[in-house]
Amino acid sequence: QVRLTESGGGLVQSGESLRLSCQASGNIFGENAVAWYRQAPGKEREFVAEIRYRGDIAYADPVKGRFTISRDNAKNMIFLQMNRLQPEDTAVYYCNLQRPGLSYWGKGTLVTVSS
């Protein structure tokens, strides 16, 4: 069993930055990929960024150049640095950990960007 706990969300103004954190606990040993997704009010959950099994990193087009995903394996943490935030970035942000055949989700942290 894997538990993911996000933190770092909040209310910011347009152009400001936030850093989201995700603490992983439980049976997290072995090969895995990590990602961030988000869900805006009234919309479906969408991909934001990921670190793939081999370490490749990918971003959704709307966040390229503004968001940076990283991980600290020693501390079992995943981060999302978000710069130049815009109102359209307002959403609940979810941490995701994947291993072959399994996918785990946190409960999310709310990010609200005011104009």
PDB file of N, CA and C in Angstrom:
ATOM      1  N   GLN A   1       0.840  -1.183   0.000  1.00  0.00           N
ATOM      2  CA  GLN A   1       0.000   0.000   0.000  1.00  0.00           C
ATOM      3  C   GLN A   1       0.885   1.247   0.000  1.00  0.00           C
ATOM      4  N   VAL A   2       0.496   2.228  -0.794  1.00  0.00           N
ATOM      5  CA  VAL A   2       1.234   3.484  -0.900  1.00  0.00           C
ATOM      6  C   VAL A   2       0.310   4.624  -0.494  1.00  0.00           C
ATOM      7  N   ARG A   3       0.827   5.521   0.318  1.00  0.00           N
ATOM      8  CA  ARG A   3       0.069   6.706   0.692  1.00  0.00           C
ATOM      9  C   ARG A   3       0.799   7.934   0.170  1.00  0.00           C
ATOM     10  N   LEU A   4       0.036   8.841  -0.457  1.00  0.00           N
ATOM     11  CA  LEU A   4       0.585  10.084  -0.979  1.00  0.00           C
ATOM     12  C   LEU A   4      -0.137  11.253  -0.324  1.00  0.00           C
ATOM     13  N   THR A   5       0.624  12.198   0.199  1.00  0.00           N
ATOM     14  CA  THR A   5       0.046  13.351   0.873  1.00  0.00           C
ATOM     15  C   THR A   5       0.616  14.622   0.283  1.00  0.00           C
ATOM     16  N   GLU A   6      -0.251  15.415  -0.342  1.00  0.00           N
ATOM     17  CA  GLU A   6       0.171  16.670  -0.956  1.00  0.00           C
ATOM     18  C   GLU A   6       0.076  17.814   0.043  1.00  0.00           C
ATOM     19  N   SER A   7       0.895  18.826  -0.174  1.00  0.00           N
ATOM     20  CA  SER A   7       0.838  20.049   0.616  1.00  0.00           C
ATOM     21  C   SER A   7       1.404  21.196  -0.204  1.00  0.00           C
ATOM     22  N   GLY A   8       1.186  22.417   0.287  1.00  0.00           N
ATOM     23  CA  GLY A   8       1.771  23.579  -0.373  1.00  0.00           C
ATOM     24  C   GLY A   8       0.809  24.420  -1.173  1.00  0.00           C
ATOM     25  N   GLY A   9      -0.428  23.973  -1.293  1.00  0.00           N
ATOM     26  CA  GLY A   9      -1.395  24.766  -2.033  1.00  0.00           C
ATOM     27  C   GLY A   9      -1.779  26.023  -1.273  1.00  0.00           C
ATOM     28  N   GLY A  10      -2.502  26.915  -1.953  1.00  0.00           N
ATOM     29  CA  GLY A  10      -2.930  28.132  -1.296  1.00  0.00           C
ATOM     30  C   GLY A  10      -3.460  29.138  -2.293  1.00  0.00           C
ATOM     31  N   LEU A  11      -3.680  30.349  -1.810  1.00  0.00           N
ATOM     32  CA  LEU A  11      -4.181  31.441  -2.641  1.00  0.00           C
ATOM     33  C   LEU A  11      -3.037  32.395  -2.954  1.00  0.00           C
ATOM     34  N   VAL A  12      -2.810  32.617  -4.234  1.00  0.00           N
ATOM     35  CA  VAL A  12      -1.768  33.535  -4.678  1.00  0.00           C
ATOM     36  C   VAL A  12      -2.330  34.451  -5.755  1.00  0.00           C
ATOM     37  N   GLN A  13      -1.586  35.504  -6.042  1.00  0.00           N
ATOM     38  CA  GLN A  13      -1.986  36.407  -7.115  1.00  0.00           C
ATOM     39  C   GLN A  13      -1.303  35.989  -8.421  1.00  0.00           C
ATOM     40  N   SER A  14      -1.874  36.435  -9.501  1.00  0.00           N
ATOM     41  CA  SER A  14      -1.312  36.155 -10.817  1.00  0.00           C
ATOM     42  C   SER A  14       0.140  36.621 -10.873  1.00  0.00           C
ATOM     43  N   GLY A  15       1.006  35.761 -11.410  1.00  0.00           N
ATOM     44  CA  GLY A  15       2.423  36.062 -11.525  1.00  0.00           C
ATOM     45  C   GLY A  15       3.275  35.544 -10.384  1.00  0.00           C
ATOM     46  N   GLU A  16       2.648  35.129  -9.305  1.00  0.00           N
ATOM     47  CA  GLU A  16       3.397  34.633  -8.150  1.00  0.00           C
ATOM     48  C   GLU A  16       3.727  33.149  -8.315  1.00  0.00           C
ATOM     49  N   SER A  17       4.435  32.618  -7.324  1.00  0.00           N
ATOM     50  CA  SER A  17       4.907  31.234  -7.377  1.00  0.00           C
ATOM     51  C   SER A  17       4.413  30.434  -6.178  1.00  0.00           C
ATOM     52  N   LEU A  18       4.350  29.122  -6.360  1.00  0.00           N
ATOM     53  CA  LEU A  18       4.078  28.178  -5.284  1.00  0.00           C
ATOM     54  C   LEU A  18       4.897  26.929  -5.517  1.00  0.00           C
ATOM     55  N   ARG A  19       5.209  26.240  -4.434  1.00  0.00           N
ATOM     56  CA  ARG A  19       5.892  24.962  -4.532  1.00  0.00           C
ATOM     57  C   ARG A  19       5.041  23.905  -3.836  1.00  0.00           C
ATOM     58  N   LEU A  20       4.579  22.954  -4.599  1.00  0.00           N
ATOM     59  CA  LEU A  20       3.811  21.848  -4.049  1.00  0.00           C
ATOM     60  C   LEU A  20       4.749  20.710  -3.672  1.00  0.00           C
ATOM     61  N   SER A  21       4.384  20.030  -2.590  1.00  0.00           N
ATOM     62  CA  SER A  21       5.147  18.869  -2.143  1.00  0.00           C
ATOM     63  C   SER A  21       4.222  17.663  -2.027  1.00  0.00           C
ATOM     64  N   CYS A  22       4.790  16.491  -2.212  1.00  0.00           N
ATOM     65  CA  CYS A  22       4.042  15.247  -2.059  1.00  0.00           C
ATOM     66  C   CYS A  22       4.923  14.271  -1.293  1.00  0.00           C
ATOM     67  N   GLN A  23       4.456  13.865  -0.129  1.00  0.00           N
ATOM     68  CA  GLN A  23       5.185  12.902   0.688  1.00  0.00           C
ATOM     69  C   GLN A  23       4.633  11.511   0.413  1.00  0.00           C
ATOM     70  N   ALA A  24       5.516  10.599   0.014  1.00  0.00           N
ATOM     71  CA  ALA A  24       5.118   9.219  -0.240  1.00  0.00           C
ATOM     72  C   ALA A  24       5.523   8.343   0.935  1.00  0.00           C
ATOM     73  N   SER A  25       4.645   7.448   1.310  1.00  0.00           N
ATOM     74  CA  SER A  25       4.962   6.517   2.385  1.00  0.00           C
ATOM     75  C   SER A  25       4.369   5.152   2.057  1.00  0.00           C
ATOM     76  N   GLY A  26       4.853   4.134   2.751  1.00  0.00           N
ATOM     77  CA  GLY A  26       4.358   2.787   2.516  1.00  0.00           C
ATOM     78  C   GLY A  26       5.320   2.006   1.645  1.00  0.00           C
ATOM     79  N   ASN A  27       4.789   1.099   0.884  1.00  0.00           N
ATOM     80  CA  ASN A  27       5.593   0.208   0.050  1.00  0.00           C
ATOM     81  C   ASN A  27       5.945   0.888  -1.269  1.00  0.00           C
ATOM     82  N   ILE A  28       6.940   1.786  -1.213  1.00  0.00           N
ATOM     83  CA  ILE A  28       7.276   2.570  -2.395  1.00  0.00           C
ATOM     84  C   ILE A  28       8.584   2.126  -3.033  1.00  0.00           C
ATOM     85  N   PHE A  29       9.126   1.000  -2.585  1.00  0.00           N
ATOM     86  CA  PHE A  29      10.385   0.544  -3.148  1.00  0.00           C
ATOM     87  C   PHE A  29      10.165  -0.010  -4.539  1.00  0.00           C
ATOM     88  N   GLY A  30      11.236   0.004  -5.309  1.00  0.00           N
ATOM     89  CA  GLY A  30      11.153  -0.525  -6.655  1.00  0.00           C
ATOM     90  C   GLY A  30      10.945   0.575  -7.674  1.00  0.00           C
ATOM     91  N   GLU A  31      10.805   0.143  -8.908  1.00  0.00           N
ATOM     92  CA  GLU A  31      10.691   1.086 -10.010  1.00  0.00           C
ATOM     93  C   GLU A  31       9.329   1.761 -10.001  1.00  0.00           C
ATOM     94  N   ASN A  32       9.324   3.063 -10.143  1.00  0.00           N
ATOM     95  CA  ASN A  32       8.060   3.779 -10.227  1.00  0.00           C
ATOM     96  C   ASN A  32       8.243   5.089 -10.990  1.00  0.00           C
ATOM     97  N   ALA A  33       7.136   5.603 -11.457  1.00  0.00           N
ATOM     98  CA  ALA A  33       7.093   6.904 -12.098  1.00  0.00           C
ATOM     99  C   ALA A  33       6.213   7.798 -11.246  1.00  0.00           C
ATOM    100  N   VAL A  34       6.479   9.091 -11.263  1.00  0.00           N
ATOM    101  CA  VAL A  34       5.678  10.018 -10.463  1.00  0.00           C
ATOM    102  C   VAL A  34       5.167  11.136 -11.349  1.00  0.00           C
ATOM    103  N   ALA A  35       4.049  11.705 -10.958  1.00  0.00           N
ATOM    104  CA  ALA A  35       3.430  12.733 -11.791  1.00  0.00           C
ATOM    105  C   ALA A  35       2.563  13.657 -10.952  1.00  0.00           C
ATOM    106  N   TRP A  36       2.244  14.780 -11.526  1.00  0.00           N
ATOM    107  CA  TRP A  36       1.248  15.704 -10.990  1.00  0.00           C
ATOM    108  C   TRP A  36       0.133  15.850 -12.023  1.00  0.00           C
ATOM    109  N   TYR A  37      -1.088  15.848 -11.520  1.00  0.00           N
ATOM    110  CA  TYR A  37      -2.268  16.122 -12.319  1.00  0.00           C
ATOM    111  C   TYR A  37      -3.040  17.244 -11.631  1.00  0.00           C
ATOM    112  N   ARG A  38      -3.984  17.825 -12.348  1.00  0.00           N
ATOM    113  CA  ARG A  38      -4.819  18.839 -11.729  1.00  0.00           C
ATOM    114  C   ARG A  38      -6.247  18.743 -12.265  1.00  0.00           C
ATOM    115  N   GLN A  39      -7.168  19.236 -11.447  1.00  0.00           N
ATOM    116  CA  GLN A  39      -8.570  19.247 -11.841  1.00  0.00           C
ATOM    117  C   GLN A  39      -9.178  20.589 -11.476  1.00  0.00           C
ATOM    118  N   ALA A  40      -9.527  21.343 -12.503  1.00  0.00           N
ATOM    119  CA  ALA A  40     -10.173  22.637 -12.310  1.00  0.00           C
ATOM    120  C   ALA A  40     -11.665  22.442 -12.087  1.00  0.00           C
ATOM    121  N   PRO A  41     -12.325  23.408 -11.456  1.00  0.00           N
ATOM    122  CA  PRO A  41     -13.769  23.291 -11.215  1.00  0.00           C
ATOM    123  C   PRO A  41     -14.537  23.040 -12.509  1.00  0.00           C
ATOM    124  N   GLY A  42     -15.344  22.007 -12.521  1.00  0.00           N
ATOM    125  CA  GLY A  42     -16.168  21.701 -13.675  1.00  0.00           C
ATOM    126  C   GLY A  42     -15.442  21.042 -14.822  1.00  0.00           C
ATOM    127  N   LYS A  43     -14.178  20.684 -14.616  1.00  0.00           N
ATOM    128  CA  LYS A  43     -13.402  20.079 -15.695  1.00  0.00           C
ATOM    129  C   LYS A  43     -12.869  18.720 -15.259  1.00  0.00           C
ATOM    130  N   GLU A  44     -12.404  17.956 -16.243  1.00  0.00           N
ATOM    131  CA  GLU A  44     -11.818  16.661 -15.947  1.00  0.00           C
ATOM    132  C   GLU A  44     -10.380  16.821 -15.456  1.00  0.00           C
ATOM    133  N   ARG A  45      -9.922  15.818 -14.753  1.00  0.00           N
ATOM    134  CA  ARG A  45      -8.539  15.820 -14.302  1.00  0.00           C
ATOM    135  C   ARG A  45      -7.619  15.771 -15.511  1.00  0.00           C
ATOM    136  N   GLU A  46      -6.542  16.561 -15.458  1.00  0.00           N
ATOM    137  CA  GLU A  46      -5.614  16.609 -16.588  1.00  0.00           C
ATOM    138  C   GLU A  46      -4.171  16.475 -16.121  1.00  0.00           C
ATOM    139  N   PHE A  47      -3.378  15.960 -17.014  1.00  0.00           N
ATOM    140  CA  PHE A  47      -1.947  15.766 -16.778  1.00  0.00           C
ATOM    141  C   PHE A  47      -1.232  17.104 -16.696  1.00  0.00           C
ATOM    142  N   VAL A  48      -0.276  17.210 -15.769  1.00  0.00           N
ATOM    143  CA  VAL A  48       0.544  18.415 -15.633  1.00  0.00           C
ATOM    144  C   VAL A  48       2.008  18.119 -15.937  1.00  0.00           C
ATOM    145  N   ALA A  49       2.581  17.164 -15.227  1.00  0.00           N
ATOM    146  CA  ALA A  49       4.008  16.866 -15.390  1.00  0.00           C
ATOM    147  C   ALA A  49       4.304  15.479 -14.838  1.00  0.00           C
ATOM    148  N   GLU A  50       5.370  14.855 -15.353  1.00  0.00           N
ATOM    149  CA  GLU A  50       5.748  13.552 -14.845  1.00  0.00           C
ATOM    150  C   GLU A  50       7.243  13.315 -14.955  1.00  0.00           C
ATOM    151  N   ILE A  51       7.729  12.445 -14.101  1.00  0.00           N
ATOM    152  CA  ILE A  51       9.071  11.877 -14.201  1.00  0.00           C
ATOM    153  C   ILE A  51       8.861  10.398 -14.480  1.00  0.00           C
ATOM    154  N   ARG A  52       9.268   9.964 -15.645  1.00  0.00           N
ATOM    155  CA  ARG A  52       8.995   8.608 -16.093  1.00  0.00           C
ATOM    156  C   ARG A  52       9.969   7.614 -15.476  1.00  0.00           C
ATOM    157  N   TYR A  53       9.728   6.350 -15.752  1.00  0.00           N
ATOM    158  CA  TYR A  53      10.508   5.283 -15.123  1.00  0.00           C
ATOM    159  C   TYR A  53      12.014   5.459 -15.328  1.00  0.00           C
ATOM    160  N   ARG A  54      12.410   5.886 -16.520  1.00  0.00           N
ATOM    161  CA  ARG A  54      13.830   6.016 -16.810  1.00  0.00           C
ATOM    162  C   ARG A  54      14.364   7.406 -16.485  1.00  0.00           C
ATOM    163  N   GLY A  55      13.517   8.242 -15.878  1.00  0.00           N
ATOM    164  CA  GLY A  55      13.974   9.565 -15.491  1.00  0.00           C
ATOM    165  C   GLY A  55      13.634  10.667 -16.471  1.00  0.00           C
ATOM    166  N   ASP A  56      13.051  10.299 -17.621  1.00  0.00           N
ATOM    167  CA  ASP A  56      12.622  11.326 -18.562  1.00  0.00           C
ATOM    168  C   ASP A  56      11.535  12.176 -17.924  1.00  0.00           C
ATOM    169  N   ILE A  57      11.528  13.438 -18.254  1.00  0.00           N
ATOM    170  CA  ILE A  57      10.541  14.365 -17.709  1.00  0.00           C
ATOM    171  C   ILE A  57       9.675  14.908 -18.843  1.00  0.00           C
ATOM    172  N   ALA A  58       8.378  15.013 -18.579  1.00  0.00           N
ATOM    173  CA  ALA A  58       7.447  15.547 -19.567  1.00  0.00           C
ATOM    174  C   ALA A  58       6.500  16.534 -18.906  1.00  0.00           C
ATOM    175  N   TYR A  59       6.094  17.528 -19.661  1.00  0.00           N
ATOM    176  CA  TYR A  59       5.175  18.554 -19.179  1.00  0.00           C
ATOM    177  C   TYR A  59       4.017  18.729 -20.157  1.00  0.00           C
ATOM    178  N   ALA A  60       2.885  19.127 -19.604  1.00  0.00           N
ATOM    179  CA  ALA A  60       1.778  19.534 -20.460  1.00  0.00           C
ATOM    180  C   ALA A  60       2.123  20.879 -21.074  1.00  0.00           C
ATOM    181  N   ASP A  61       1.644  21.104 -22.283  1.00  0.00           N
ATOM    182  CA  ASP A  61       1.983  22.346 -22.982  1.00  0.00           C
ATOM    183  C   ASP A  61       1.657  23.611 -22.184  1.00  0.00           C
ATOM    184  N   PRO A  62       0.510  23.684 -21.503  1.00  0.00           N
ATOM    185  CA  PRO A  62       0.174  24.944 -20.798  1.00  0.00           C
ATOM    186  C   PRO A  62       1.148  25.324 -19.680  1.00  0.00           C
ATOM    187  N   VAL A  63       1.941  24.359 -19.191  1.00  0.00           N
ATOM    188  CA  VAL A  63       2.823  24.664 -18.057  1.00  0.00           C
ATOM    189  C   VAL A  63       4.296  24.640 -18.429  1.00  0.00           C
ATOM    190  N   LYS A  64       4.610  24.289 -19.659  1.00  0.00           N
ATOM    191  CA  LYS A  64       6.015  24.243 -20.083  1.00  0.00           C
ATOM    192  C   LYS A  64       6.677  25.593 -19.898  1.00  0.00           C
ATOM    193  N   GLY A  65       7.868  25.571 -19.314  1.00  0.00           N
ATOM    194  CA  GLY A  65       8.603  26.802 -19.091  1.00  0.00           C
ATOM    195  C   GLY A  65       8.232  27.524 -17.811  1.00  0.00           C
ATOM    196  N   ARG A  66       7.138  27.083 -17.156  1.00  0.00           N
ATOM    197  CA  ARG A  66       6.715  27.728 -15.908  1.00  0.00           C
ATOM    198  C   ARG A  66       6.775  26.769 -14.720  1.00  0.00           C
ATOM    199  N   PHE A  67       6.506  25.498 -14.955  1.00  0.00           N
ATOM    200  CA  PHE A  67       6.475  24.503 -13.875  1.00  0.00           C
ATOM    201  C   PHE A  67       7.689  23.581 -13.985  1.00  0.00           C
ATOM    202  N   THR A  68       8.160  23.119 -12.824  1.00  0.00           N
ATOM    203  CA  THR A  68       9.265  22.178 -12.781  1.00  0.00           C
ATOM    204  C   THR A  68       8.943  21.062 -11.791  1.00  0.00           C
ATOM    205  N   ILE A  69       8.995  19.821 -12.274  1.00  0.00           N
ATOM    206  CA  ILE A  69       8.780  18.671 -11.404  1.00  0.00           C
ATOM    207  C   ILE A  69      10.127  18.113 -10.971  1.00  0.00           C
ATOM    208  N   SER A  70      10.197  17.649  -9.743  1.00  0.00           N
ATOM    209  CA  SER A  70      11.434  17.043  -9.243  1.00  0.00           C
ATOM    210  C   SER A  70      11.082  16.036  -8.147  1.00  0.00           C
ATOM    211  N   ARG A  71      12.061  15.221  -7.782  1.00  0.00           N
ATOM    212  CA  ARG A  71      11.839  14.243  -6.720  1.00  0.00           C
ATOM    213  C   ARG A  71      13.096  14.102  -5.881  1.00  0.00           C
ATOM    214  N   ASP A  72      12.886  13.768  -4.633  1.00  0.00           N
ATOM    215  CA  ASP A  72      13.977  13.491  -3.703  1.00  0.00           C
ATOM    216  C   ASP A  72      13.762  12.068  -3.220  1.00  0.00           C
ATOM    217  N   ASN A  73      14.467  11.126  -3.827  1.00  0.00           N
ATOM    218  CA  ASN A  73      14.258   9.714  -3.507  1.00  0.00           C
ATOM    219  C   ASN A  73      14.644   9.389  -2.071  1.00  0.00           C
ATOM    220  N   ALA A  74      15.639  10.084  -1.549  1.00  0.00           N
ATOM    221  CA  ALA A  74      16.078   9.817  -0.183  1.00  0.00           C
ATOM    222  C   ALA A  74      14.981  10.154   0.830  1.00  0.00           C
ATOM    223  N   LYS A  75      14.189  11.169   0.502  1.00  0.00           N
ATOM    224  CA  LYS A  75      13.116  11.604   1.415  1.00  0.00           C
ATOM    225  C   LYS A  75      11.738  11.151   0.955  1.00  0.00           C
ATOM    226  N   ASN A  76      11.697  10.412  -0.160  1.00  0.00           N
ATOM    227  CA  ASN A  76      10.423   9.944  -0.708  1.00  0.00           C
ATOM    228  C   ASN A  76       9.456  11.091  -0.978  1.00  0.00           C
ATOM    229  N   MET A  77       9.956  12.123  -1.601  1.00  0.00           N
ATOM    230  CA  MET A  77       9.130  13.288  -1.870  1.00  0.00           C
ATOM    231  C   MET A  77       9.159  13.662  -3.342  1.00  0.00           C
ATOM    232  N   ILE A  78       8.062  14.223  -3.800  1.00  0.00           N
ATOM    233  CA  ILE A  78       7.919  14.734  -5.159  1.00  0.00           C
ATOM    234  C   ILE A  78       7.506  16.194  -5.045  1.00  0.00           C
ATOM    235  N   PHE A  79       8.054  17.029  -5.911  1.00  0.00           N
ATOM    236  CA  PHE A  79       7.791  18.458  -5.845  1.00  0.00           C
ATOM    237  C   PHE A  79       7.276  18.971  -7.182  1.00  0.00           C
ATOM    238  N   LEU A  80       6.560  20.089  -7.106  1.00  0.00           N
ATOM    239  CA  LEU A  80       6.154  20.811  -8.310  1.00  0.00           C
ATOM    240  C   LEU A  80       6.350  22.297  -8.037  1.00  0.00           C
ATOM    241  N   GLN A  81       7.386  22.852  -8.643  1.00  0.00           N
ATOM    242  CA  GLN A  81       7.626  24.287  -8.536  1.00  0.00           C
ATOM    243  C   GLN A  81       6.819  24.970  -9.627  1.00  0.00           C
ATOM    244  N   MET A  82       5.959  25.896  -9.227  1.00  0.00           N
ATOM    245  CA  MET A  82       5.071  26.568 -10.171  1.00  0.00           C
ATOM    246  C   MET A  82       5.366  28.054 -10.148  1.00  0.00           C
ATOM    247  N   ASN A  83       5.839  28.554 -11.264  1.00  0.00           N
ATOM    248  CA  ASN A  83       6.174  29.975 -11.395  1.00  0.00           C
ATOM    249  C   ASN A  83       5.216  30.659 -12.361  1.00  0.00           C
ATOM    250  N   ARG A  84       5.147  31.960 -12.249  1.00  0.00           N
ATOM    251  CA  ARG A  84       4.300  32.782 -13.134  1.00  0.00           C
ATOM    252  C   ARG A  84       2.890  32.194 -13.217  1.00  0.00           C
ATOM    253  N   LEU A  85       2.310  31.955 -12.065  1.00  0.00           N
ATOM    254  CA  LEU A  85       0.980  31.357 -12.022  1.00  0.00           C
ATOM    255  C   LEU A  85      -0.063  32.284 -12.634  1.00  0.00           C
ATOM    256  N   GLN A  86      -1.034  31.669 -13.273  1.00  0.00           N
ATOM    257  CA  GLN A  86      -2.117  32.390 -13.926  1.00  0.00           C
ATOM    258  C   GLN A  86      -3.462  31.890 -13.383  1.00  0.00           C
ATOM    259  N   PRO A  87      -4.508  32.686 -13.512  1.00  0.00           N
ATOM    260  CA  PRO A  87      -5.822  32.238 -13.012  1.00  0.00           C
ATOM    261  C   PRO A  87      -6.249  30.880 -13.577  1.00  0.00           C
ATOM    262  N   GLU A  88      -5.849  30.580 -14.802  1.00  0.00           N
ATOM    263  CA  GLU A  88      -6.236  29.295 -15.398  1.00  0.00           C
ATOM    264  C   GLU A  88      -5.497  28.118 -14.780  1.00  0.00           C
ATOM    265  N   ASP A  89      -4.532  28.392 -13.908  1.00  0.00           N
ATOM    266  CA  ASP A  89      -3.859  27.320 -13.175  1.00  0.00           C
ATOM    267  C   ASP A  89      -4.637  26.922 -11.921  1.00  0.00           C
ATOM    268  N   THR A  90      -5.700  27.644 -11.628  1.00  0.00           N
ATOM    269  CA  THR A  90      -6.513  27.326 -10.458  1.00  0.00           C
ATOM    270  C   THR A  90      -7.096  25.920 -10.587  1.00  0.00           C
ATOM    271  N   ALA A  91      -6.820  25.088  -9.584  1.00  0.00           N
ATOM    272  CA  ALA A  91      -7.260  23.690  -9.631  1.00  0.00           C
ATOM    273  C   ALA A  91      -6.861  22.992  -8.338  1.00  0.00           C
ATOM    274  N   VAL A  92      -7.385  21.804  -8.161  1.00  0.00           N
ATOM    275  CA  VAL A  92      -6.865  20.889  -7.146  1.00  0.00           C
ATOM    276  C   VAL A  92      -5.753  20.087  -7.812  1.00  0.00           C
ATOM    277  N   TYR A  93      -4.596  20.071  -7.200  1.00  0.00           N
ATOM    278  CA  TYR A  93      -3.433  19.391  -7.747  1.00  0.00           C
ATOM    279  C   TYR A  93      -3.224  18.067  -7.007  1.00  0.00           C
ATOM    280  N   TYR A  94      -3.063  17.012  -7.801  1.00  0.00           N
ATOM    281  CA  TYR A  94      -2.938  15.661  -7.262  1.00  0.00           C
ATOM    282  C   TYR A  94      -1.578  15.064  -7.592  1.00  0.00           C
ATOM    283  N   CYS A  95      -1.011  14.394  -6.640  1.00  0.00           N
ATOM    284  CA  CYS A  95       0.219  13.635  -6.808  1.00  0.00           C
ATOM    285  C   CYS A  95      -0.146  12.210  -7.222  1.00  0.00           C
ATOM    286  N   ASN A  96       0.641  11.648  -8.117  1.00  0.00           N
ATOM    287  CA  ASN A  96       0.387  10.301  -8.629  1.00  0.00           C
ATOM    288  C   ASN A  96       1.682   9.504  -8.663  1.00  0.00           C
ATOM    289  N   LEU A  97       1.612   8.267  -8.223  1.00  0.00           N
ATOM    290  CA  LEU A  97       2.765   7.358  -8.306  1.00  0.00           C
ATOM    291  C   LEU A  97       2.317   6.110  -9.039  1.00  0.00           C
ATOM    292  N   GLN A  98       3.108   5.694 -10.002  1.00  0.00           N
ATOM    293  CA  GLN A  98       2.754   4.546 -10.815  1.00  0.00           C
ATOM    294  C   GLN A  98       3.868   3.508 -10.781  1.00  0.00           C
ATOM    295  N   ARG A  99       3.473   2.274 -10.762  1.00  0.00           N
ATOM    296  CA  ARG A  99       4.365   1.154 -11.008  1.00  0.00           C
ATOM    297  C   ARG A  99       3.594   0.199 -11.896  1.00  0.00           C
ATOM    298  N   PRO A 100       4.274  -0.724 -12.548  1.00  0.00           N
ATOM    299  CA  PRO A 100       3.573  -1.592 -13.501  1.00  0.00           C
ATOM    300  C   PRO A 100       2.286  -2.185 -12.937  1.00  0.00           C
ATOM    301  N   GLY A 101       1.166  -1.820 -13.528  1.00  0.00           N
ATOM    302  CA  GLY A 101      -0.125  -2.361 -13.132  1.00  0.00           C
ATOM    303  C   GLY A 101      -0.805  -1.663 -11.989  1.00  0.00           C
ATOM    304  N   LEU A 102      -0.156  -0.675 -11.386  1.00  0.00           N
ATOM    305  CA  LEU A 102      -0.735  -0.007 -10.224  1.00  0.00           C
ATOM    306  C   LEU A 102      -0.586   1.499 -10.344  1.00  0.00           C
ATOM    307  N   SER A 103      -1.556   2.222  -9.782  1.00  0.00           N
ATOM    308  CA  SER A 103      -1.512   3.678  -9.782  1.00  0.00           C
ATOM    309  C   SER A 103      -2.090   4.179  -8.460  1.00  0.00           C
ATOM    310  N   TYR A 104      -1.367   5.085  -7.805  1.00  0.00           N
ATOM    311  CA  TYR A 104      -1.780   5.610  -6.510  1.00  0.00           C
ATOM    312  C   TYR A 104      -1.969   7.124  -6.608  1.00  0.00           C
ATOM    313  N   TRP A 105      -2.949   7.614  -5.852  1.00  0.00           N
ATOM    314  CA  TRP A 105      -3.271   9.042  -5.865  1.00  0.00           C
ATOM    315  C   TRP A 105      -3.326   9.604  -4.460  1.00  0.00           C
ATOM    316  N   GLY A 106      -2.926  10.869  -4.343  1.00  0.00           N
ATOM    317  CA  GLY A 106      -3.161  11.593  -3.114  1.00  0.00           C
ATOM    318  C   GLY A 106      -4.542  12.207  -3.140  1.00  0.00           C
ATOM    319  N   LYS A 107      -4.887  12.926  -2.061  1.00  0.00           N
ATOM    320  CA  LYS A 107      -6.205  13.549  -1.967  1.00  0.00           C
ATOM    321  C   LYS A 107      -6.239  14.937  -2.559  1.00  0.00           C
ATOM    322  N   GLY A 108      -5.071  15.484  -2.897  1.00  0.00           N
ATOM    323  CA  GLY A 108      -5.022  16.757  -3.581  1.00  0.00           C
ATOM    324  C   GLY A 108      -4.798  17.951  -2.674  1.00  0.00           C
ATOM    325  N   THR A 109      -4.310  19.019  -3.288  1.00  0.00           N
ATOM    326  CA  THR A 109      -4.132  20.293  -2.593  1.00  0.00           C
ATOM    327  C   THR A 109      -4.620  21.396  -3.522  1.00  0.00           C
ATOM    328  N   LEU A 110      -5.374  22.346  -2.971  1.00  0.00           N
ATOM    329  CA  LEU A 110      -6.020  23.362  -3.783  1.00  0.00           C
ATOM    330  C   LEU A 110      -5.094  24.541  -4.038  1.00  0.00           C
ATOM    331  N   VAL A 111      -4.997  24.913  -5.296  1.00  0.00           N
ATOM    332  CA  VAL A 111      -4.261  26.108  -5.704  1.00  0.00           C
ATOM    333  C   VAL A 111      -5.254  27.077  -6.333  1.00  0.00           C
ATOM    334  N   THR A 112      -5.298  28.278  -5.791  1.00  0.00           N
ATOM    335  CA  THR A 112      -6.185  29.306  -6.321  1.00  0.00           C
ATOM    336  C   THR A 112      -5.356  30.518  -6.707  1.00  0.00           C
ATOM    337  N   VAL A 113      -5.490  30.932  -7.955  1.00  0.00           N
ATOM    338  CA  VAL A 113      -4.736  32.069  -8.462  1.00  0.00           C
ATOM    339  C   VAL A 113      -5.725  33.185  -8.801  1.00  0.00           C
ATOM    340  N   SER A 114      -5.581  34.300  -8.130  1.00  0.00           N
ATOM    341  CA  SER A 114      -6.468  35.435  -8.383  1.00  0.00           C
ATOM    342  C   SER A 114      -5.840  36.383  -9.403  1.00  0.00           C
ATOM    343  N   SER A 115      -6.696  37.047 -10.153  1.00  0.00           N
ATOM    344  CA  SER A 115      -6.194  37.957 -11.199  1.00  0.00           C
ATOM    345  C   SER A 115      -6.016  39.371 -10.663  1.00  0.00           C
TER     346      SER A 115
END
